[in-house]
C-alpha atoms as a PDB file:
ATOM      1  CA  UNK A   1    -147.487 113.491 -83.295  1.00  0.00           C
ATOM      2  CA  UNK A   2    -143.544 114.145 -84.425  1.00  0.00           C
ATOM      3  CA  UNK A   3    -141.785 112.239 -81.626  1.00  0.00           C
ATOM      4  CA  UNK A   4    -144.321 109.173 -82.569  1.00  0.00           C
ATOM      5  CA  UNK A   5    -144.023 109.595 -86.389  1.00  0.00           C
ATOM      6  CA  UNK A   6    -140.102 109.614 -85.749  1.00  0.00           C
ATOM      7  CA  UNK A   7    -140.108 106.628 -83.590  1.00  0.00           C
ATOM      8  CA  UNK A   8    -142.256 104.713 -86.242  1.00  0.00           C
ATOM      9  CA  UNK A   9    -140.121 105.761 -89.043  1.00  0.00           C
ATOM     10  CA  UNK A  10    -136.852 104.737 -86.901  1.00  0.00           C
ATOM     11  CA  UNK A  11    -138.534 101.230 -86.348  1.00  0.00           C
ATOM     12  CA  UNK A  12    -139.599 100.864 -90.058  1.00  0.00           C
ATOM     13  CA  UNK A  13    -136.050 101.493 -90.465  1.00  0.00           C
ATOM     14  CA  UNK A  14    -134.774  99.330 -88.382  1.00  0.00           C
ATOM     15  CA  UNK A  15    -137.499  96.375 -89.310  1.00  0.00           C
ATOM     16  CA  UNK A  16    -136.645  96.883 -93.201  1.00  0.00           C
ATOM     17  CA  UNK A  17    -132.637  96.458 -92.294  1.00  0.00           C
ATOM     18  CA  UNK A  18    -133.392  93.591 -90.529  1.00  0.00           C
ATOM     19  CA  UNK A  19    -135.412  92.232 -93.460  1.00  0.00           C
ATOM     20  CA  UNK A  20    -132.580  92.875 -95.436  1.00  0.00           C
ATOM     21  CA  UNK A  21    -129.780  91.347 -93.161  1.00  0.00           C
ATOM     22  CA  UNK A  22    -132.216  87.889 -93.052  1.00  0.00           C
ATOM     23  CA  UNK A  23    -132.115  87.702 -97.339  1.00  0.00           C
ATOM     24  CA  UNK A  24    -131.636  83.893 -97.300  1.00  0.00           C
ATOM     25  CA  UNK A  25    -127.933  84.297 -98.510  1.00  0.00           C
ATOM     26  CA  UNK A  26    -127.199  85.389 -95.478  1.00  0.00           C
ATOM     27  CA  UNK A  27    -129.349  82.858 -93.033  1.00  0.00           C
ATOM     28  CA  UNK A  28    -127.154  81.629 -90.107  1.00  0.00           C
ATOM     29  CA  UNK A  29    -127.161  77.568 -91.064  1.00  0.00           C
ATOM     30  CA  UNK A  30    -127.016  76.885 -87.496  1.00  0.00           C
ATOM     31  CA  UNK A  31    -129.974  78.494 -86.848  1.00  0.00           C
ATOM     32  CA  UNK A  32    -131.497  76.976 -89.857  1.00  0.00           C
ATOM     33  CA  UNK A  33    -130.642  73.759 -88.458  1.00  0.00           C
ATOM     34  CA  UNK A  34    -131.598  74.420 -84.842  1.00  0.00           C
ATOM     35  CA  UNK A  35    -135.212  75.613 -86.334  1.00  0.00           C
ATOM     36  CA  UNK A  36    -135.773  72.983 -88.625  1.00  0.00           C
ATOM     37  CA  UNK A  37    -135.145  70.246 -85.944  1.00  0.00           C
ATOM     38  CA  UNK A  38    -137.463  71.693 -82.924  1.00  0.00           C
ATOM     39  CA  UNK A  39    -140.401  72.127 -85.765  1.00  0.00           C
ATOM     40  CA  UNK A  40    -139.799  67.894 -86.064  1.00  0.00           C
ATOM     41  CA  UNK A  41    -139.332  66.957 -82.646  1.00  0.00           C
ATOM     42  CA  UNK A  42    -142.600  65.689 -81.030  1.00  0.00           C
ATOM     43  CA  UNK A  43    -144.494  67.476 -78.388  1.00  0.00           C
ATOM     44  CA  UNK A  44    -144.117  65.581 -75.057  1.00  0.00           C
ATOM     45  CA  UNK A  45    -144.478  68.212 -72.057  1.00  0.00           C
ATOM     46  CA  UNK A  46    -146.255  66.631 -69.159  1.00  0.00           C
ATOM     47  CA  UNK A  47    -146.933  69.413 -66.288  1.00  0.00           C
ATOM     48  CA  UNK A  48    -145.538  68.641 -62.986  1.00  0.00           C
ATOM     49  CA  UNK A  49    -146.817  70.166 -59.676  1.00  0.00           C
ATOM     50  CA  UNK A  50    -143.765  73.188 -60.105  1.00  0.00           C
ATOM     51  CA  UNK A  51    -145.686  73.951 -63.447  1.00  0.00           C
ATOM     52  CA  UNK A  52    -148.926  74.173 -62.132  1.00  0.00           C
ATOM     53  CA  UNK A  53    -147.670  76.815 -59.470  1.00  0.00           C
ATOM     54  CA  UNK A  54    -145.645  78.708 -62.196  1.00  0.00           C
ATOM     55  CA  UNK A  55    -149.122  78.773 -64.158  1.00  0.00           C
ATOM     56  CA  UNK A  56    -151.025  79.854 -61.582  1.00  0.00           C
ATOM     57  CA  UNK A  57    -148.700  82.535 -60.125  1.00  0.00           C
ATOM     58  CA  UNK A  58    -148.215  84.207 -63.956  1.00  0.00           C
ATOM     59  CA  UNK A  59    -151.923  83.758 -64.420  1.00  0.00           C
ATOM     60  CA  UNK A  60    -152.884  87.183 -62.736  1.00  0.00           C
ATOM     61  CA  UNK A  61    -150.375  89.240 -64.804  1.00  0.00           C
ATOM     62  CA  UNK A  62    -151.586  87.335 -68.019  1.00  0.00           C
ATOM     63  CA  UNK A  63    -155.447  88.465 -67.282  1.00  0.00           C
ATOM     64  CA  UNK A  64    -154.752  92.474 -68.255  1.00  0.00           C
ATOM     65  CA  UNK A  65    -154.026  90.652 -71.764  1.00  0.00           C
ATOM     66  CA  UNK A  66    -156.231  87.539 -71.857  1.00  0.00           C
ATOM     67  CA  UNK A  67    -159.501  87.438 -70.156  1.00  0.00           C
ATOM     68  CA  UNK A  68    -161.034  84.210 -70.455  1.00  0.00           C
ATOM     69  CA  UNK A  69    -159.077  82.014 -67.540  1.00  0.00           C
ATOM     70  CA  UNK A  70    -159.359  78.603 -70.026  1.00  0.00           C
ATOM     71  CA  UNK A  71    -157.390  80.611 -72.680  1.00  0.00           C
ATOM     72  CA  UNK A  72    -155.301  81.862 -70.124  1.00  0.00           C
ATOM     73  CA  UNK A  73    -154.213  78.634 -68.879  1.00  0.00           C
ATOM     74  CA  UNK A  74    -154.188  77.705 -72.143  1.00  0.00           C
ATOM     75  CA  UNK A  75    -151.113  80.181 -73.305  1.00  0.00           C
ATOM     76  CA  UNK A  76    -149.319  80.004 -70.221  1.00  0.00           C
ATOM     77  CA  UNK A  77    -148.873  76.177 -70.864  1.00  0.00           C
ATOM     78  CA  UNK A  78    -147.932  76.531 -73.964  1.00  0.00           C
ATOM     79  CA  UNK A  79    -145.599  79.137 -73.232  1.00  0.00           C
ATOM     80  CA  UNK A  80    -144.163  76.943 -70.378  1.00  0.00           C
ATOM     81  CA  UNK A  81    -143.376  73.896 -72.706  1.00  0.00           C
ATOM     82  CA  UNK A  82    -141.966  75.836 -75.541  1.00  0.00           C
ATOM     83  CA  UNK A  83    -140.083  78.053 -73.295  1.00  0.00           C
ATOM     84  CA  UNK A  84    -138.520  74.616 -71.081  1.00  0.00           C
ATOM     85  CA  UNK A  85    -138.264  72.588 -74.236  1.00  0.00           C
ATOM     86  CA  UNK A  86    -135.657  74.903 -75.961  1.00  0.00           C
ATOM     87  CA  UNK A  87    -134.229  75.925 -72.631  1.00  0.00           C
ATOM     88  CA  UNK A  88    -135.851  79.014 -71.772  1.00  0.00           C
ATOM     89  CA  UNK A  89    -136.601  81.121 -68.992  1.00  0.00           C
ATOM     90  CA  UNK A  90    -140.435  80.871 -69.261  1.00  0.00           C
ATOM     91  CA  UNK A  91    -140.924  84.746 -67.873  1.00  0.00           C
ATOM     92  CA  UNK A  92    -138.186  86.314 -70.494  1.00  0.00           C
ATOM     93  CA  UNK A  93    -140.428  84.629 -73.366  1.00  0.00           C
ATOM     94  CA  UNK A  94    -143.470  86.151 -71.734  1.00  0.00           C
ATOM     95  CA  UNK A  95    -141.961  89.226 -71.376  1.00  0.00           C
ATOM     96  CA  UNK A  96    -141.116  89.243 -75.376  1.00  0.00           C
ATOM     97  CA  UNK A  97    -144.795  88.210 -75.929  1.00  0.00           C
ATOM     98  CA  UNK A  98    -145.752  91.289 -74.377  1.00  0.00           C
ATOM     99  CA  UNK A  99    -143.387  93.482 -75.790  1.00  0.00           C
ATOM    100  CA  UNK A 100    -143.853  91.899 -79.564  1.00  0.00           C
ATOM    101  CA  UNK A 101    -147.658  91.401 -79.811  1.00  0.00           C
ATOM    102  CA  UNK A 102    -149.735  92.006 -76.267  1.00  0.00           C
ATOM    103  CA  UNK A 103    -150.304  88.100 -76.868  1.00  0.00           C
ATOM    104  CA  UNK A 104    -152.355  88.964 -79.956  1.00  0.00           C
ATOM    105  CA  UNK A 105    -151.783  85.403 -81.795  1.00  0.00           C
ATOM    106  CA  UNK A 106    -153.333  87.116 -84.913  1.00  0.00           C
ATOM    107  CA  UNK A 107    -151.120  89.749 -84.491  1.00  0.00           C
ATOM    108  CA  UNK A 108    -149.033  90.844 -88.268  1.00  0.00           C
ATOM    109  CA  UNK A 109    -146.479  93.633 -88.511  1.00  0.00           C
ATOM    110  CA  UNK A 110    -146.292  95.755 -91.032  1.00  0.00           C
ATOM    111  CA  UNK A 111    -142.756  94.260 -92.196  1.00  0.00           C
ATOM    112  CA  UNK A 112    -144.946  90.405 -92.173  1.00  0.00           C
ATOM    113  CA  UNK A 113    -143.999  89.463 -88.766  1.00  0.00           C
ATOM    114  CA  UNK A 114    -146.256  86.940 -87.495  1.00  0.00           C
ATOM    115  CA  UNK A 115    -148.185  85.653 -84.449  1.00  0.00           C
ATOM    116  CA  UNK A 116    -147.272  85.884 -80.636  1.00  0.00           C
ATOM    117  CA  UNK A 117    -143.781  85.946 -80.727  1.00  0.00           C
ATOM    118  CA  UNK A 118    -143.910  87.860 -84.223  1.00  0.00           C
ATOM    119  CA  UNK A 119    -141.635  85.365 -86.466  1.00  0.00           C
ATOM    120  CA  UNK A 120    -140.742  86.218 -89.990  1.00  0.00           C
ATOM    121  CA  UNK A 121    -141.951  84.200 -92.414  1.00  0.00           C
ATOM    122  CA  UNK A 122    -139.012  83.761 -94.540  1.00  0.00           C
ATOM    123  CA  UNK A 123    -138.408  80.899 -92.419  1.00  0.00           C
ATOM    124  CA  UNK A 124    -140.904  78.438 -93.072  1.00  0.00           C
ATOM    125  CA  UNK A 125    -138.672  78.266 -96.453  1.00  0.00           C
ATOM    126  CA  UNK A 126    -135.486  78.389 -95.056  1.00  0.00           C
ATOM    127  CA  UNK A 127    -136.348  75.226 -92.904  1.00  0.00           C
ATOM    128  CA  UNK A 128    -137.808  73.544 -96.208  1.00  0.00           C
ATOM    129  CA  UNK A 129    -142.054  73.655 -94.091  1.00  0.00           C
ATOM    130  CA  UNK A 130    -143.447  76.345 -96.572  1.00  0.00           C
ATOM    131  CA  UNK A 131    -147.058  75.132 -95.275  1.00  0.00           C
ATOM    132  CA  UNK A 132    -146.333  75.710 -91.116  1.00  0.00           C
ATOM    133  CA  UNK A 133    -148.585  78.432 -89.663  1.00  0.00           C
ATOM    134  CA  UNK A 134    -147.062  80.971 -87.998  1.00  0.00           C
ATOM    135  CA  UNK A 135    -150.535  82.313 -86.418  1.00  0.00           C
ATOM    136  CA  UNK A 136    -150.866  79.107 -84.946  1.00  0.00           C
ATOM    137  CA  UNK A 137    -150.245  79.450 -81.429  1.00  0.00           C
ATOM    138  CA  UNK A 138    -147.954  76.269 -80.725  1.00  0.00           C
ATOM    139  CA  UNK A 139    -146.331  76.711 -84.076  1.00  0.00           C
ATOM    140  CA  UNK A 140    -145.456  80.543 -83.131  1.00  0.00           C
ATOM    141  CA  UNK A 141    -143.617  79.517 -79.898  1.00  0.00           C
ATOM    142  CA  UNK A 142    -141.719  76.758 -81.701  1.00  0.00           C
ATOM    143  CA  UNK A 143    -140.203  78.823 -83.754  1.00  0.00           C
ATOM    144  CA  UNK A 144    -140.001  82.048 -81.563  1.00  0.00           C
ATOM    145  CA  UNK A 145    -138.443  80.024 -78.744  1.00  0.00           C
ATOM    146  CA  UNK A 146    -135.859  78.596 -80.956  1.00  0.00           C
ATOM    147  CA  UNK A 147    -134.982  81.688 -82.551  1.00  0.00           C
ATOM    148  CA  UNK A 148    -134.351  83.271 -78.932  1.00  0.00           C
ATOM    149  CA  UNK A 149    -132.298  80.296 -77.764  1.00  0.00           C
ATOM    150  CA  UNK A 150    -130.206  80.553 -80.318  1.00  0.00           C
ATOM    151  CA  UNK A 151    -129.520  84.647 -80.329  1.00  0.00           C
ATOM    152  CA  UNK A 152    -128.723  83.822 -76.588  1.00  0.00           C
ATOM    153  CA  UNK A 153    -126.068  81.722 -77.470  1.00  0.00           C
ATOM    154  CA  UNK A 154    -124.553  83.690 -80.231  1.00  0.00           C
ATOM    155  CA  UNK A 155    -124.824  86.353 -77.633  1.00  0.00           C
ATOM    156  CA  UNK A 156    -123.106  83.960 -75.054  1.00  0.00           C
ATOM    157  CA  UNK A 157    -125.272  84.489 -72.798  1.00  0.00           C
ATOM    158  CA  UNK A 158    -125.792  88.322 -72.765  1.00  0.00           C
ATOM    159  CA  UNK A 159    -129.378  88.496 -73.166  1.00  0.00           C
ATOM    160  CA  UNK A 160    -129.747  92.512 -73.906  1.00  0.00           C
ATOM    161  CA  UNK A 161    -127.837  91.402 -76.757  1.00  0.00           C
ATOM    162  CA  UNK A 162    -130.003  88.655 -77.824  1.00  0.00           C
ATOM    163  CA  UNK A 163    -133.094  90.257 -77.328  1.00  0.00           C
ATOM    164  CA  UNK A 164    -131.558  93.189 -80.120  1.00  0.00           C
ATOM    165  CA  UNK A 165    -130.477  90.305 -82.255  1.00  0.00           C
ATOM    166  CA  UNK A 166    -134.523  88.695 -81.932  1.00  0.00           C
ATOM    167  CA  UNK A 167    -135.846  92.697 -82.780  1.00  0.00           C
ATOM    168  CA  UNK A 168    -133.468  92.940 -85.755  1.00  0.00           C
ATOM    169  CA  UNK A 169    -131.615  95.888 -83.936  1.00  0.00           C
ATOM    170  CA  UNK A 170    -128.512  94.489 -82.629  1.00  0.00           C
ATOM    171  CA  UNK A 171    -126.508  97.694 -81.321  1.00  0.00           C
ATOM    172  CA  UNK A 172    -129.395  99.485 -79.912  1.00  0.00           C
ATOM    173  CA  UNK A 173    -131.352  98.414 -76.926  1.00  0.00           C
ATOM    174  CA  UNK A 174    -134.425 100.114 -76.933  1.00  0.00           C
ATOM    175  CA  UNK A 175    -135.864  96.951 -77.531  1.00  0.00           C
ATOM    176  CA  UNK A 176    -134.081  95.231 -75.214  1.00  0.00           C
ATOM    177  CA  UNK A 177    -134.701  97.220 -72.539  1.00  0.00           C
ATOM    178  CA  UNK A 178    -138.803  97.481 -72.963  1.00  0.00           C
ATOM    179  CA  UNK A 179    -138.654  93.343 -72.677  1.00  0.00           C
ATOM    180  CA  UNK A 180    -136.467  93.457 -69.757  1.00  0.00           C
ATOM    181  CA  UNK A 181    -138.636  96.413 -68.094  1.00  0.00           C
ATOM    182  CA  UNK A 182    -141.703  94.197 -68.923  1.00  0.00           C
ATOM    183  CA  UNK A 183    -140.072  90.704 -67.562  1.00  0.00           C
ATOM    184  CA  UNK A 184    -138.648  93.002 -64.158  1.00  0.00           C
ATOM    185  CA  UNK A 185    -142.171  94.494 -63.504  1.00  0.00           C
ATOM    186  CA  UNK A 186    -144.564  91.989 -64.092  1.00  0.00           C
ATOM    187  CA  UNK A 187    -143.360  88.240 -64.923  1.00  0.00           C
ATOM    188  CA  UNK A 188    -139.772  87.766 -62.947  1.00  0.00           C
END
């Protein structure tokens, strides 16, 4: 019980730190531009045979989180589309979502991060789109994948560091380890 309280306090401090670091005066202008461009791009993903094979292979592990097969396919297609658009491995995005929200599109953290990828709402204002709905799965995935790709570039391809940036816990790898473990055990 005490260990859980200490862990919760630590996570709260990390999240508060991430929020203060995300003050709009300190927002990376390159990330702001990447998000603005990603949000305005048209959705033009077309399923290919290899995407369908991928969808079928990922459906089973996702069944633990999403029981309805139609909903599961809808989520997998959206993740594949947005991850591919951003130049990410869809399996890594699935692992991030598992850790961030357990595939709950309505998740809201105690610090206000929203949706499956737990995107902070200040990004909407930063890119001039205050009416975007981060609970909408497609919007959330577009933001989250764009942000993650930016941090991978910033970390020069070091995925553990990029995940720590994404989580606002750079310098620690607890979060990164959770995501990488989820990727290795369920999504790879």
